[in-house]
Amino acid sequence: MQVRLWGGVVACAVLAVASGVASWRRDRRVNLDRVSAVDWTTVQFAALFGGVMLAALAISG
């Protein structure tokens, strides 16, 4: 059970890093009229929050 939780923590961490890179690229785009449909900051926050919750469950259980 805990292996699955730690796997979820790793997946959330990878998603948080990927969304951070995507947000960084969006902030430094050359064509300002080309906007993104995804708010990467929100995705990053949700991934970090989910990772913390999964880590807490893995540690406690």
PDB file of N, CA and C in Angstrom:
ATOM      1  N   MET A   1       0.824  -1.193   0.000  1.00  0.00           N
ATOM      2  CA  MET A   1       0.000   0.000   0.000  1.00  0.00           C
ATOM      3  C   MET A   1       0.866   1.254   0.000  1.00  0.00           C
ATOM      4  N   GLN A   2       1.897   1.274   0.841  1.00  0.00           N
ATOM      5  CA  GLN A   2       2.726   2.477   0.926  1.00  0.00           C
ATOM      6  C   GLN A   2       3.559   2.689  -0.331  1.00  0.00           C
ATOM      7  N   VAL A   3       3.870   1.614  -1.034  1.00  0.00           N
ATOM      8  CA  VAL A   3       4.625   1.762  -2.277  1.00  0.00           C
ATOM      9  C   VAL A   3       3.796   2.542  -3.291  1.00  0.00           C
ATOM     10  N   ARG A   4       2.505   2.284  -3.348  1.00  0.00           N
ATOM     11  CA  ARG A   4       1.622   3.019  -4.254  1.00  0.00           C
ATOM     12  C   ARG A   4       1.532   4.491  -3.845  1.00  0.00           C
ATOM     13  N   LEU A   5       1.485   4.754  -2.551  1.00  0.00           N
ATOM     14  CA  LEU A   5       1.424   6.137  -2.090  1.00  0.00           C
ATOM     15  C   LEU A   5       2.706   6.882  -2.437  1.00  0.00           C
ATOM     16  N   TRP A   6       3.855   6.250  -2.225  1.00  0.00           N
ATOM     17  CA  TRP A   6       5.122   6.898  -2.570  1.00  0.00           C
ATOM     18  C   TRP A   6       5.242   7.075  -4.080  1.00  0.00           C
ATOM     19  N   GLY A   7       4.687   6.150  -4.840  1.00  0.00           N
ATOM     20  CA  GLY A   7       4.654   6.321  -6.289  1.00  0.00           C
ATOM     21  C   GLY A   7       3.821   7.528  -6.687  1.00  0.00           C
ATOM     22  N   GLY A   8       2.721   7.747  -5.989  1.00  0.00           N
ATOM     23  CA  GLY A   8       1.903   8.926  -6.219  1.00  0.00           C
ATOM     24  C   GLY A   8       2.627  10.212  -5.858  1.00  0.00           C
ATOM     25  N   VAL A   9       3.420  10.164  -4.802  1.00  0.00           N
ATOM     26  CA  VAL A   9       4.218  11.329  -4.402  1.00  0.00           C
ATOM     27  C   VAL A   9       5.221  11.672  -5.498  1.00  0.00           C
ATOM     28  N   VAL A  10       5.864  10.651  -6.030  1.00  0.00           N
ATOM     29  CA  VAL A  10       6.836  10.873  -7.107  1.00  0.00           C
ATOM     30  C   VAL A  10       6.136  11.427  -8.345  1.00  0.00           C
ATOM     31  N   ALA A  11       4.970  10.884  -8.684  1.00  0.00           N
ATOM     32  CA  ALA A  11       4.222  11.372  -9.847  1.00  0.00           C
ATOM     33  C   ALA A  11       3.806  12.828  -9.658  1.00  0.00           C
ATOM     34  N   CYS A  12       3.376  13.181  -8.464  1.00  0.00           N
ATOM     35  CA  CYS A  12       3.001  14.576  -8.187  1.00  0.00           C
ATOM     36  C   CYS A  12       4.221  15.490  -8.264  1.00  0.00           C
ATOM     37  N   ALA A  13       5.357  15.017  -7.805  1.00  0.00           N
ATOM     38  CA  ALA A  13       6.574  15.830  -7.873  1.00  0.00           C
ATOM     39  C   ALA A  13       6.991  16.061  -9.323  1.00  0.00           C
ATOM     40  N   VAL A  14       6.893  15.027 -10.146  1.00  0.00           N
ATOM     41  CA  VAL A  14       7.231  15.172 -11.564  1.00  0.00           C
ATOM     42  C   VAL A  14       6.273  16.147 -12.240  1.00  0.00           C
ATOM     43  N   LEU A  15       4.990  16.044 -11.933  1.00  0.00           N
ATOM     44  CA  LEU A  15       4.006  16.962 -12.499  1.00  0.00           C
ATOM     45  C   LEU A  15       4.259  18.397 -12.046  1.00  0.00           C
ATOM     46  N   ALA A  16       4.631  18.582 -10.791  1.00  0.00           N
ATOM     47  CA  ALA A  16       4.908  19.925 -10.280  1.00  0.00           C
ATOM     48  C   ALA A  16       6.123  20.537 -10.981  1.00  0.00           C
ATOM     49  N   VAL A  17       7.155  19.745 -11.191  1.00  0.00           N
ATOM     50  CA  VAL A  17       8.344  20.256 -11.887  1.00  0.00           C
ATOM     51  C   VAL A  17       8.016  20.575 -13.339  1.00  0.00           C
ATOM     52  N   ALA A  18       7.271  19.695 -14.006  1.00  0.00           N
ATOM     53  CA  ALA A  18       6.911  19.925 -15.403  1.00  0.00           C
ATOM     54  C   ALA A  18       6.033  21.168 -15.553  1.00  0.00           C
ATOM     55  N   SER A  19       5.098  21.361 -14.643  1.00  0.00           N
ATOM     56  CA  SER A  19       4.249  22.553 -14.732  1.00  0.00           C
ATOM     57  C   SER A  19       5.027  23.810 -14.375  1.00  0.00           C
ATOM     58  N   GLY A  20       6.016  23.708 -13.513  1.00  0.00           N
ATOM     59  CA  GLY A  20       6.881  24.851 -13.226  1.00  0.00           C
ATOM     60  C   GLY A  20       7.690  25.263 -14.448  1.00  0.00           C
ATOM     61  N   VAL A  21       8.197  24.282 -15.179  1.00  0.00           N
ATOM     62  CA  VAL A  21       8.927  24.567 -16.419  1.00  0.00           C
ATOM     63  C   VAL A  21       7.994  25.181 -17.454  1.00  0.00           C
ATOM     64  N   ALA A  22       6.791  24.653 -17.574  1.00  0.00           N
ATOM     65  CA  ALA A  22       5.824  25.197 -18.535  1.00  0.00           C
ATOM     66  C   ALA A  22       5.437  26.628 -18.167  1.00  0.00           C
ATOM     67  N   SER A  23       5.282  26.915 -16.897  1.00  0.00           N
ATOM     68  CA  SER A  23       4.964  28.270 -16.460  1.00  0.00           C
ATOM     69  C   SER A  23       6.134  29.217 -16.744  1.00  0.00           C
ATOM     70  N   TRP A  24       7.349  28.754 -16.513  1.00  0.00           N
ATOM     71  CA  TRP A  24       8.534  29.548 -16.789  1.00  0.00           C
ATOM     72  C   TRP A  24       8.627  29.868 -18.282  1.00  0.00           C
ATOM     73  N   ARG A  25       8.350  28.870 -19.127  1.00  0.00           N
ATOM     74  CA  ARG A  25       8.376  29.100 -20.572  1.00  0.00           C
ATOM     75  C   ARG A  25       7.273  30.060 -21.008  1.00  0.00           C
ATOM     76  N   ARG A  26       6.091  29.950 -20.382  1.00  0.00           N
ATOM     77  CA  ARG A  26       4.987  30.836 -20.734  1.00  0.00           C
ATOM     78  C   ARG A  26       5.301  32.283 -20.350  1.00  0.00           C
ATOM     79  N   ASP A  27       5.945  32.475 -19.219  1.00  0.00           N
ATOM     80  CA  ASP A  27       6.280  33.827 -18.771  1.00  0.00           C
ATOM     81  C   ASP A  27       7.327  34.493 -19.665  1.00  0.00           C
ATOM     82  N   ARG A  28       8.134  33.706 -20.348  1.00  0.00           N
ATOM     83  CA  ARG A  28       9.208  34.248 -21.172  1.00  0.00           C
ATOM     84  C   ARG A  28       8.965  34.075 -22.669  1.00  0.00           C
ATOM     85  N   ARG A  29       7.703  33.956 -23.066  1.00  0.00           N
ATOM     86  CA  ARG A  29       7.407  33.781 -24.486  1.00  0.00           C
ATOM     87  C   ARG A  29       7.646  35.078 -25.244  1.00  0.00           C
ATOM     88  N   VAL A  30       7.994  34.931 -26.511  1.00  0.00           N
ATOM     89  CA  VAL A  30       8.301  36.090 -27.345  1.00  0.00           C
ATOM     90  C   VAL A  30       7.020  36.747 -27.841  1.00  0.00           C
ATOM     91  N   ASN A  31       6.081  35.948 -28.303  1.00  0.00           N
ATOM     92  CA  ASN A  31       4.827  36.459 -28.834  1.00  0.00           C
ATOM     93  C   ASN A  31       3.810  36.539 -27.694  1.00  0.00           C
ATOM     94  N   LEU A  32       3.577  37.731 -27.187  1.00  0.00           N
ATOM     95  CA  LEU A  32       2.691  37.899 -26.028  1.00  0.00           C
ATOM     96  C   LEU A  32       1.231  37.636 -26.356  1.00  0.00           C
ATOM     97  N   ASP A  33       0.873  37.669 -27.638  1.00  0.00           N
ATOM     98  CA  ASP A  33      -0.509  37.397 -28.029  1.00  0.00           C
ATOM     99  C   ASP A  33      -0.830  35.905 -28.029  1.00  0.00           C
ATOM    100  N   ARG A  34       0.174  35.085 -27.948  1.00  0.00           N
ATOM    101  CA  ARG A  34      -0.026  33.630 -27.948  1.00  0.00           C
ATOM    102  C   ARG A  34      -0.164  33.163 -26.494  1.00  0.00           C
ATOM    103  N   VAL A  35      -1.398  33.080 -26.041  1.00  0.00           N
ATOM    104  CA  VAL A  35      -1.641  32.734 -24.645  1.00  0.00           C
ATOM    105  C   VAL A  35      -1.878  31.238 -24.489  1.00  0.00           C
ATOM    106  N   SER A  36      -1.734  30.774 -23.285  1.00  0.00           N
ATOM    107  CA  SER A  36      -1.938  29.367 -22.979  1.00  0.00           C
ATOM    108  C   SER A  36      -3.332  29.158 -22.402  1.00  0.00           C
ATOM    109  N   ALA A  37      -3.884  27.990 -22.640  1.00  0.00           N
ATOM    110  CA  ALA A  37      -5.207  27.673 -22.111  1.00  0.00           C
ATOM    111  C   ALA A  37      -5.129  27.108 -20.695  1.00  0.00           C
ATOM    112  N   VAL A  38      -3.924  26.764 -20.254  1.00  0.00           N
ATOM    113  CA  VAL A  38      -3.750  26.125 -18.952  1.00  0.00           C
ATOM    114  C   VAL A  38      -3.035  27.097 -18.012  1.00  0.00           C
ATOM    115  N   ASP A  39      -3.567  27.237 -16.815  1.00  0.00           N
ATOM    116  CA  ASP A  39      -2.900  28.030 -15.786  1.00  0.00           C
ATOM    117  C   ASP A  39      -1.930  27.108 -15.042  1.00  0.00           C
ATOM    118  N   TRP A  40      -0.663  27.156 -15.423  1.00  0.00           N
ATOM    119  CA  TRP A  40       0.318  26.205 -14.901  1.00  0.00           C
ATOM    120  C   TRP A  40       0.618  26.418 -13.430  1.00  0.00           C
ATOM    121  N   THR A  41       0.425  27.612 -12.935  1.00  0.00           N
ATOM    122  CA  THR A  41       0.655  27.854 -11.509  1.00  0.00           C
ATOM    123  C   THR A  41      -0.357  27.079 -10.663  1.00  0.00           C
ATOM    124  N   THR A  42      -1.603  27.038 -11.113  1.00  0.00           N
ATOM    125  CA  THR A  42      -2.631  26.277 -10.400  1.00  0.00           C
ATOM    126  C   THR A  42      -2.346  24.783 -10.459  1.00  0.00           C
ATOM    127  N   VAL A  43      -1.904  24.311 -11.603  1.00  0.00           N
ATOM    128  CA  VAL A  43      -1.555  22.892 -11.742  1.00  0.00           C
ATOM    129  C   VAL A  43      -0.400  22.548 -10.812  1.00  0.00           C
ATOM    130  N   GLN A  44       0.586  23.430 -10.750  1.00  0.00           N
ATOM    131  CA  GLN A  44       1.730  23.193  -9.879  1.00  0.00           C
ATOM    132  C   GLN A  44       1.312  23.159  -8.408  1.00  0.00           C
ATOM    133  N   PHE A  45       0.465  24.082  -8.010  1.00  0.00           N
ATOM    134  CA  PHE A  45      -0.011  24.101  -6.625  1.00  0.00           C
ATOM    135  C   PHE A  45      -0.796  22.828  -6.292  1.00  0.00           C
ATOM    136  N   ALA A  46      -1.678  22.417  -7.193  1.00  0.00           N
ATOM    137  CA  ALA A  46      -2.475  21.212  -6.950  1.00  0.00           C
ATOM    138  C   ALA A  46      -1.582  19.976  -6.862  1.00  0.00           C
ATOM    139  N   ALA A  47      -0.553  19.904  -7.697  1.00  0.00           N
ATOM    140  CA  ALA A  47       0.361  18.760  -7.650  1.00  0.00           C
ATOM    141  C   ALA A  47       1.155  18.749  -6.348  1.00  0.00           C
ATOM    142  N   LEU A  48       1.623  19.913  -5.919  1.00  0.00           N
ATOM    143  CA  LEU A  48       2.357  19.975  -4.658  1.00  0.00           C
ATOM    144  C   LEU A  48       1.464  19.628  -3.467  1.00  0.00           C
ATOM    145  N   PHE A  49       0.241  20.133  -3.488  1.00  0.00           N
ATOM    146  CA  PHE A  49      -0.699  19.832  -2.407  1.00  0.00           C
ATOM    147  C   PHE A  49      -1.006  18.332  -2.365  1.00  0.00           C
ATOM    148  N   GLY A  50      -1.272  17.753  -3.528  1.00  0.00           N
ATOM    149  CA  GLY A  50      -1.542  16.315  -3.583  1.00  0.00           C
ATOM    150  C   GLY A  50      -0.347  15.497  -3.137  1.00  0.00           C
ATOM    151  N   GLY A  51       0.846  15.921  -3.502  1.00  0.00           N
ATOM    152  CA  GLY A  51       2.051  15.216  -3.080  1.00  0.00           C
ATOM    153  C   GLY A  51       2.263  15.273  -1.583  1.00  0.00           C
ATOM    154  N   VAL A  52       1.987  16.401  -0.990  1.00  0.00           N
ATOM    155  CA  VAL A  52       2.115  16.525   0.472  1.00  0.00           C
ATOM    156  C   VAL A  52       1.093  15.637   1.179  1.00  0.00           C
ATOM    157  N   MET A  53      -0.125  15.632   0.666  1.00  0.00           N
ATOM    158  CA  MET A  53      -1.157  14.784   1.278  1.00  0.00           C
ATOM    159  C   MET A  53      -0.804  13.293   1.153  1.00  0.00           C
ATOM    160  N   LEU A  54      -0.353  12.884  -0.015  1.00  0.00           N
ATOM    161  CA  LEU A  54       0.039  11.488  -0.207  1.00  0.00           C
ATOM    162  C   LEU A  54       1.235  11.112   0.662  1.00  0.00           C
ATOM    163  N   ALA A  55       2.185  12.040   0.802  1.00  0.00           N
ATOM    164  CA  ALA A  55       3.360  11.765   1.666  1.00  0.00           C
ATOM    165  C   ALA A  55       2.925  11.629   3.121  1.00  0.00           C
ATOM    166  N   ALA A  56       1.979  12.458   3.549  1.00  0.00           N
ATOM    167  CA  ALA A  56       1.506  12.359   4.931  1.00  0.00           C
ATOM    168  C   ALA A  56       0.815  11.019   5.173  1.00  0.00           C
ATOM    169  N   LEU A  57       0.034  10.574   4.181  1.00  0.00           N
ATOM    170  CA  LEU A  57      -0.623   9.267   4.307  1.00  0.00           C
ATOM    171  C   LEU A  57       0.394   8.130   4.310  1.00  0.00           C
ATOM    172  N   ALA A  58       1.425   8.234   3.484  1.00  0.00           N
ATOM    173  CA  ALA A  58       2.438   7.184   3.415  1.00  0.00           C
ATOM    174  C   ALA A  58       3.243   7.115   4.697  1.00  0.00           C
ATOM    175  N   ILE A  59       3.540   8.254   5.290  1.00  0.00           N
ATOM    176  CA  ILE A  59       4.307   8.270   6.529  1.00  0.00           C
ATOM    177  C   ILE A  59       3.497   7.744   7.697  1.00  0.00           C
ATOM    178  N   SER A  60       2.212   8.109   7.742  1.00  0.00           N
ATOM    179  CA  SER A  60       1.387   7.718   8.886  1.00  0.00           C
ATOM    180  C   SER A  60       0.948   6.250   8.819  1.00  0.00           C
ATOM    181  N   GLY A  61       0.875   5.714   7.635  1.00  0.00           N
ATOM    182  CA  GLY A  61       0.304   4.374   7.511  1.00  0.00           C
ATOM    183  C   GLY A  61       1.303   3.328   7.344  1.00  0.00           C
TER     184      GLY A  61
END
